[in-house]
Amino acid sequence: MNSSEMLYIYDAKLSNPNGDPDEENRPRMDEEINLVTDLRLKRYVRDYFLDLGNELYVQKVEGKSVTAEERVTKLKLEKPEDILNRFIDVRLFGATMPIKKNNLQFTGPVQFNWGYSLNNVDVMENSITSTFTAKEGKSQGTIGKDYRVKYSLIAFSGVLSGRRAEKTLLREEDVMLMDKALKYAIPQQATRSKIGQYPRLYMRVEYKDSETVLGDYRSYLKLERTEDLADISEVVLKLDDLVAFLEQNKEKISKIHYFCNPQLVLELNQEKICFEEAMKSFTLCEIG
């Protein structure tokens, strides 16, 4: 399998992309930059797989959490290849399995780093009240806090290692399913705190070999403005540096798998442009 690198952008409006349990579930922040962990992104992907009926290693069984040993031994998975053939999430993301007889560790070929907002983000705080019935027909209430970002355009970078893919028996269809998960998972799994989040751009640049790594594509992105954004309609994403960088490395690139939300305004050479036109010199594979 060839190596790939990914750029994934989604936005969050009046929602909480990734609450920090140690900070009253406030959105994770580094001063004015909104942060989202790679675990939150992988959770979206796993939940999408579950919705499609895929069996995962990281999942509850009959609504209950189970240990690694219970998960593996109950399914009578005796060999590492049995585990890899059974669980798509292990083939993609790897897993550490503390089992008495033989501790197993699979290093996942697909890794994402933490996502961060490309714009400066304001956090909004509101009080919420819950009322419930106590004994003898009396009502009681509690007051809590609800924290949300005003608007955050969040970008992730990821790598798919072709060499590691061989060791976890990763399949092309696994990667294609992950691509679809990144397009559909977030809006399909909206909860009260997550509603208002939508994928805007995804590109998986597939290289011609299993060794090439070019680096974090986010370094080549610029927004027309980064302050006081409140909606996707106010976003203009400049692609000049990214397109130039990819053009410089064109001989290493096999194809680009992508989707782009039409509401995201892209700009190249100071002109509005669609993704397909911006990347016209590459072989493009749109994710359905």
Protein backbone atom coordinates (compact mmCIF):
# COMPACT_ATOMS: atom_id res chain seq x y z
CA MET A 1 0.00 0.00 0.00
CA ASN A 2 1.21 3.50 -0.80
CA SER A 3 1.60 6.09 1.92
CA SER A 4 -0.78 9.07 2.14
CA GLU A 5 -1.06 12.32 4.04
CA MET A 6 -4.38 13.88 4.98
CA LEU A 7 -5.80 17.34 5.52
CA TYR A 8 -9.23 17.47 7.17
CA ILE A 9 -11.18 20.64 7.94
CA TYR A 10 -14.54 20.94 9.66
CA ASP A 11 -16.23 23.78 11.48
CA ALA A 12 -18.19 24.20 14.70
CA LYS A 13 -20.78 26.91 15.22
CA LEU A 14 -22.33 27.45 18.66
CA SER A 15 -21.23 23.99 19.77
CA ASN A 16 -18.53 22.27 21.82
CA PRO A 17 -16.09 20.42 19.54
CA ASN A 18 -14.16 18.70 22.35
CA GLY A 19 -14.88 19.40 26.00
CA ASP A 20 -12.16 19.06 28.62
CA PRO A 21 -13.50 17.03 31.61
CA ASP A 22 -10.87 18.60 33.88
CA GLU A 23 -12.16 22.10 33.01
CA GLU A 24 -15.94 21.70 33.51
CA ASN A 25 -16.18 20.42 29.93
CA ARG A 26 -15.06 23.74 28.47
CA PRO A 27 -13.86 23.58 24.86
CA ARG A 28 -10.14 22.85 24.81
CA MET A 29 -8.27 26.08 24.21
CA ASP A 30 -4.74 27.38 23.92
CA GLU A 31 -5.34 31.08 24.45
CA GLU A 32 -7.53 31.97 21.42
CA ILE A 33 -6.91 28.74 19.49
CA ASN A 34 -9.47 25.94 19.80
CA LEU A 35 -7.99 22.42 20.13
CA VAL A 36 -9.50 19.02 19.36
CA THR A 37 -7.76 15.75 20.23
CA ASP A 38 -7.06 12.99 17.74
CA LEU A 39 -9.07 10.65 19.98
CA ARG A 40 -12.21 12.73 19.41
CA LEU A 41 -11.73 12.47 15.65
CA LYS A 42 -11.12 8.71 15.80
CA ARG A 43 -14.26 8.35 17.91
CA TYR A 44 -16.31 9.88 15.11
CA VAL A 45 -14.78 7.41 12.65
CA ARG A 46 -15.37 4.42 14.94
CA ASP A 47 -18.98 5.39 15.59
CA TYR A 48 -19.57 5.64 11.85
CA PHE A 49 -18.15 2.13 11.43
CA LEU A 50 -20.46 0.86 14.17
CA ASP A 51 -23.48 2.47 12.53
CA LEU A 52 -22.65 0.49 9.39
CA GLY A 53 -22.55 -2.75 11.38
CA ASN A 54 -18.79 -3.20 11.60
CA GLU A 55 -17.43 -4.97 14.67
CA LEU A 56 -14.69 -3.04 16.47
CA TYR A 57 -12.12 -3.80 19.10
CA VAL A 58 -12.80 -0.50 20.89
CA GLN A 59 -16.50 -0.82 21.64
CA LYS A 60 -18.86 -1.81 24.40
CA VAL A 61 -20.32 -5.31 24.35
CA GLU A 62 -24.02 -5.50 25.18
CA GLY A 63 -23.74 -1.98 26.59
CA LYS A 64 -20.92 -2.87 29.00
CA SER A 65 -17.21 -2.08 28.96
CA VAL A 66 -14.96 -5.15 28.74
CA THR A 67 -11.26 -5.77 29.25
CA ALA A 68 -8.90 -6.55 26.38
CA GLU A 69 -8.59 -10.14 27.55
CA GLU A 70 -12.37 -10.60 27.70
CA ARG A 71 -12.73 -9.08 24.25
CA VAL A 72 -10.11 -11.33 22.64
CA THR A 73 -10.62 -14.60 24.50
CA LYS A 74 -14.42 -14.61 24.27
CA LEU A 75 -14.13 -14.32 20.50
CA LYS A 76 -11.47 -17.06 20.46
CA LEU A 77 -8.95 -14.92 18.63
CA GLU A 78 -5.79 -16.91 19.13
CA LYS A 79 -3.42 -15.36 16.60
CA PRO A 80 -2.52 -11.72 15.82
CA GLU A 81 -3.82 -12.15 12.26
CA ASP A 82 -7.16 -13.33 13.68
CA ILE A 83 -7.46 -10.05 15.57
CA LEU A 84 -6.42 -7.95 12.57
CA ASN A 85 -8.81 -9.71 10.22
CA ARG A 86 -11.68 -9.17 12.70
CA PHE A 87 -11.32 -5.49 13.65
CA ILE A 88 -11.09 -2.67 11.13
CA ASP A 89 -10.21 -0.11 13.83
CA VAL A 90 -7.10 -2.11 14.80
CA ARG A 91 -6.05 -2.36 11.15
CA LEU A 92 -6.36 1.44 10.87
CA PHE A 93 -5.45 2.90 14.24
CA GLY A 94 -3.67 0.06 16.05
CA ALA A 95 -4.25 -1.03 19.64
CA THR A 96 -2.50 -2.10 22.82
CA MET A 97 -3.97 -5.30 24.27
CA PRO A 98 -2.85 -6.16 27.82
CA ILE A 99 -3.46 -9.91 27.85
CA LYS A 100 -1.92 -12.15 30.52
CA LYS A 101 -0.46 -14.78 28.23
CA ASN A 102 0.80 -12.46 25.50
CA ASN A 103 0.55 -8.67 25.56
CA LEU A 104 -0.07 -7.47 22.04
CA GLN A 105 0.64 -4.09 20.51
CA PHE A 106 -0.26 -3.04 16.99
CA THR A 107 1.04 0.34 15.81
CA GLY A 108 -1.64 1.87 13.64
CA PRO A 109 -0.67 2.98 10.13
CA VAL A 110 -3.17 5.87 10.33
CA GLN A 111 -2.32 8.60 12.81
CA PHE A 112 -3.80 12.07 13.29
CA ASN A 113 -2.31 14.81 15.43
CA TRP A 114 -4.41 17.24 17.44
CA GLY A 115 -6.59 19.54 15.39
CA TYR A 116 -6.52 23.29 15.92
CA SER A 117 -8.60 26.22 14.73
CA LEU A 118 -7.30 28.30 11.86
CA ASN A 119 -9.12 31.31 13.31
CA ASN A 120 -9.14 32.91 16.74
CA VAL A 121 -12.10 31.57 18.70
CA ASP A 122 -14.44 33.10 21.29
CA VAL A 123 -15.89 30.81 23.96
CA MET A 124 -19.45 31.50 25.12
CA GLU A 125 -20.71 30.60 28.60
CA ASN A 126 -24.34 30.11 29.60
CA SER A 127 -26.16 28.80 32.65
CA ILE A 128 -28.42 25.77 32.22
CA THR A 129 -31.10 24.61 34.64
CA SER A 130 -32.34 21.06 35.13
CA THR A 131 -35.53 20.29 37.08
CA PHE A 132 -36.57 16.87 38.37
CA THR A 133 -39.21 15.50 40.73
CA ALA A 134 -38.09 14.64 44.25
CA LYS A 135 -39.97 12.72 46.93
CA GLU A 136 -43.55 13.67 47.89
CA GLY A 137 -44.15 15.43 44.62
CA LYS A 138 -41.64 18.23 45.28
CA SER A 139 -39.47 19.57 42.49
CA GLN A 140 -35.75 20.24 42.73
CA GLY A 141 -33.41 21.89 40.28
CA THR A 142 -29.73 22.17 39.54
CA ILE A 143 -27.84 24.93 37.75
CA GLY A 144 -24.83 24.16 35.60
CA LYS A 145 -22.69 25.76 32.92
CA ASP A 146 -22.81 25.23 29.17
CA TYR A 147 -19.73 26.22 27.17
CA ARG A 148 -19.63 26.58 23.39
CA VAL A 149 -17.46 28.15 20.75
CA LYS A 150 -18.91 30.99 18.70
CA TYR A 151 -17.25 29.72 15.51
CA SER A 152 -14.23 27.49 14.99
CA LEU A 153 -12.70 26.29 11.71
CA ILE A 154 -10.73 23.22 12.79
CA ALA A 155 -7.96 21.60 10.75
CA PHE A 156 -6.41 18.17 11.26
CA SER A 157 -3.32 16.65 9.69
CA GLY A 158 -2.82 12.91 9.35
CA VAL A 159 -0.50 10.26 7.95
CA LEU A 160 -1.09 6.81 6.51
CA SER A 161 2.11 4.76 6.59
CA GLY A 162 2.28 2.22 3.78
CA ARG A 163 4.91 0.18 5.62
CA ARG A 164 2.86 -0.05 8.81
CA ALA A 165 -0.21 -0.88 6.74
CA GLU A 166 1.44 -4.14 5.69
CA LYS A 167 1.93 -5.14 9.32
CA THR A 168 -1.69 -4.54 10.30
CA LEU A 169 -3.12 -6.11 7.12
CA LEU A 170 -4.77 -2.82 6.19
CA ARG A 171 -6.89 -3.03 3.05
CA GLU A 172 -7.71 -0.45 0.40
CA GLU A 173 -11.41 -0.80 1.22
CA ASP A 174 -10.63 0.06 4.87
CA VAL A 175 -9.01 3.33 3.80
CA MET A 176 -11.89 4.15 1.45
CA LEU A 177 -14.36 3.56 4.29
CA MET A 178 -12.35 5.89 6.52
CA ASP A 179 -12.51 8.52 3.76
CA LYS A 180 -16.31 8.22 3.73
CA ALA A 181 -16.45 8.37 7.53
CA LEU A 182 -14.64 11.70 7.50
CA LYS A 183 -17.21 13.02 5.03
CA TYR A 184 -20.37 11.76 6.73
CA ALA A 185 -19.69 10.88 10.39
CA ILE A 186 -19.83 14.26 12.14
CA PRO A 187 -23.25 15.51 10.95
CA GLN A 188 -24.76 12.03 11.25
CA GLN A 189 -23.67 11.69 14.88
CA ALA A 190 -24.78 15.10 16.11
CA THR A 191 -25.61 15.39 19.81
CA ARG A 192 -26.80 18.39 21.80
CA SER A 193 -23.27 19.73 22.22
CA LYS A 194 -22.03 18.62 18.78
CA ILE A 195 -24.83 19.87 16.54
CA GLY A 196 -23.64 22.70 14.31
CA GLN A 197 -20.51 20.91 13.09
CA TYR A 198 -19.95 20.14 9.39
CA PRO A 199 -17.08 18.73 7.31
CA ARG A 200 -15.80 21.35 4.85
CA LEU A 201 -12.71 19.93 3.15
CA TYR A 202 -10.85 16.63 3.09
CA MET A 203 -7.93 15.63 0.93
CA ARG A 204 -5.89 12.46 1.16
CA VAL A 205 -2.82 12.85 -0.99
CA GLU A 206 -1.75 9.36 -2.02
CA TYR A 207 1.92 9.05 -2.90
CA LYS A 208 3.58 6.71 -5.38
CA ASP A 209 5.46 4.70 -2.74
CA SER A 210 5.30 3.63 0.90
CA GLU A 211 8.07 5.97 2.10
CA THR A 212 7.20 9.55 1.12
CA VAL A 213 6.19 11.99 3.86
CA LEU A 214 5.98 15.68 2.95
CA GLY A 215 4.73 17.16 6.22
CA ASP A 216 1.80 18.99 7.78
CA TYR A 217 -0.30 20.62 5.05
CA ARG A 218 -1.85 23.03 7.52
CA SER A 219 1.37 25.08 7.41
CA TYR A 220 0.46 26.10 3.86
CA LEU A 221 -3.07 27.36 4.60
CA LYS A 222 -4.13 30.94 5.22
CA LEU A 223 -7.45 32.56 6.00
CA GLU A 224 -8.38 35.94 4.55
CA ARG A 225 -9.19 36.96 8.10
CA THR A 226 -8.91 35.16 11.43
CA GLU A 227 -10.80 37.46 13.82
CA ASP A 228 -14.52 37.71 14.63
CA LEU A 229 -15.68 34.89 12.39
CA ALA A 230 -19.21 33.68 13.11
CA ASP A 231 -20.21 31.56 10.11
CA ILE A 232 -18.83 29.61 7.15
CA SER A 233 -20.09 32.42 4.87
CA GLU A 234 -17.37 34.67 6.34
CA VAL A 235 -14.51 32.24 5.62
CA VAL A 236 -12.13 32.55 2.66
CA LEU A 237 -9.42 29.89 2.57
CA LYS A 238 -6.33 30.80 0.52
CA LEU A 239 -4.72 27.83 -1.26
CA ASP A 240 -1.75 29.56 -2.93
CA ASP A 241 1.01 28.11 -0.75
CA LEU A 242 -0.55 24.65 -0.56
CA VAL A 243 -1.02 24.33 -4.33
CA ALA A 244 2.52 25.58 -4.94
CA PHE A 245 3.92 23.08 -2.45
CA LEU A 246 2.04 20.18 -4.00
CA GLU A 247 3.12 21.26 -7.48
CA GLN A 248 6.74 21.22 -6.34
CA ASN A 249 6.28 17.58 -5.27
CA LYS A 250 4.02 16.51 -8.12
CA GLU A 251 6.31 13.66 -9.23
CA LYS A 252 5.79 11.98 -5.83
CA ILE A 253 1.97 12.15 -5.92
CA SER A 254 -0.19 9.41 -7.39
CA LYS A 255 -3.65 10.91 -6.83
CA ILE A 256 -5.72 13.05 -4.46
CA HIS A 257 -8.86 11.65 -2.82
CA TYR A 258 -11.10 14.52 -1.76
CA PHE A 259 -14.39 16.13 -0.97
CA CYS A 260 -15.11 19.84 -0.65
CA ASN A 261 -18.25 21.42 0.75
CA PRO A 262 -19.57 24.05 -1.69
CA GLN A 263 -20.12 26.54 1.13
CA LEU A 264 -16.37 26.77 1.73
CA VAL A 265 -14.97 29.63 -0.36
CA LEU A 266 -11.51 28.87 -1.76
CA GLU A 267 -9.14 31.42 -3.25
CA LEU A 268 -6.12 31.00 -5.53
CA ASN A 269 -4.16 33.87 -7.09
CA GLN A 270 -6.67 36.30 -5.55
CA GLU A 271 -9.58 34.69 -7.39
CA LYS A 272 -12.40 32.50 -6.08
CA ILE A 273 -11.98 28.97 -7.34
CA CYS A 274 -13.41 25.48 -6.89
CA PHE A 275 -11.24 22.69 -5.49
CA GLU A 276 -11.23 20.76 -8.76
CA GLU A 277 -9.90 23.73 -10.70
CA ALA A 278 -7.27 24.52 -8.05
CA MET A 279 -5.96 20.94 -8.20
CA LYS A 280 -6.51 20.35 -11.92
CA SER A 281 -2.93 19.22 -12.58
CA PHE A 282 -3.40 16.19 -10.30
CA THR A 283 -5.42 13.02 -10.70
CA LEU A 284 -8.51 13.59 -8.54
CA CYS A 285 -10.80 10.97 -6.99
CA GLU A 286 -13.92 12.47 -5.44
CA ILE A 287 -15.29 10.65 -2.39
CA GLY A 288 -18.94 9.72 -2.93
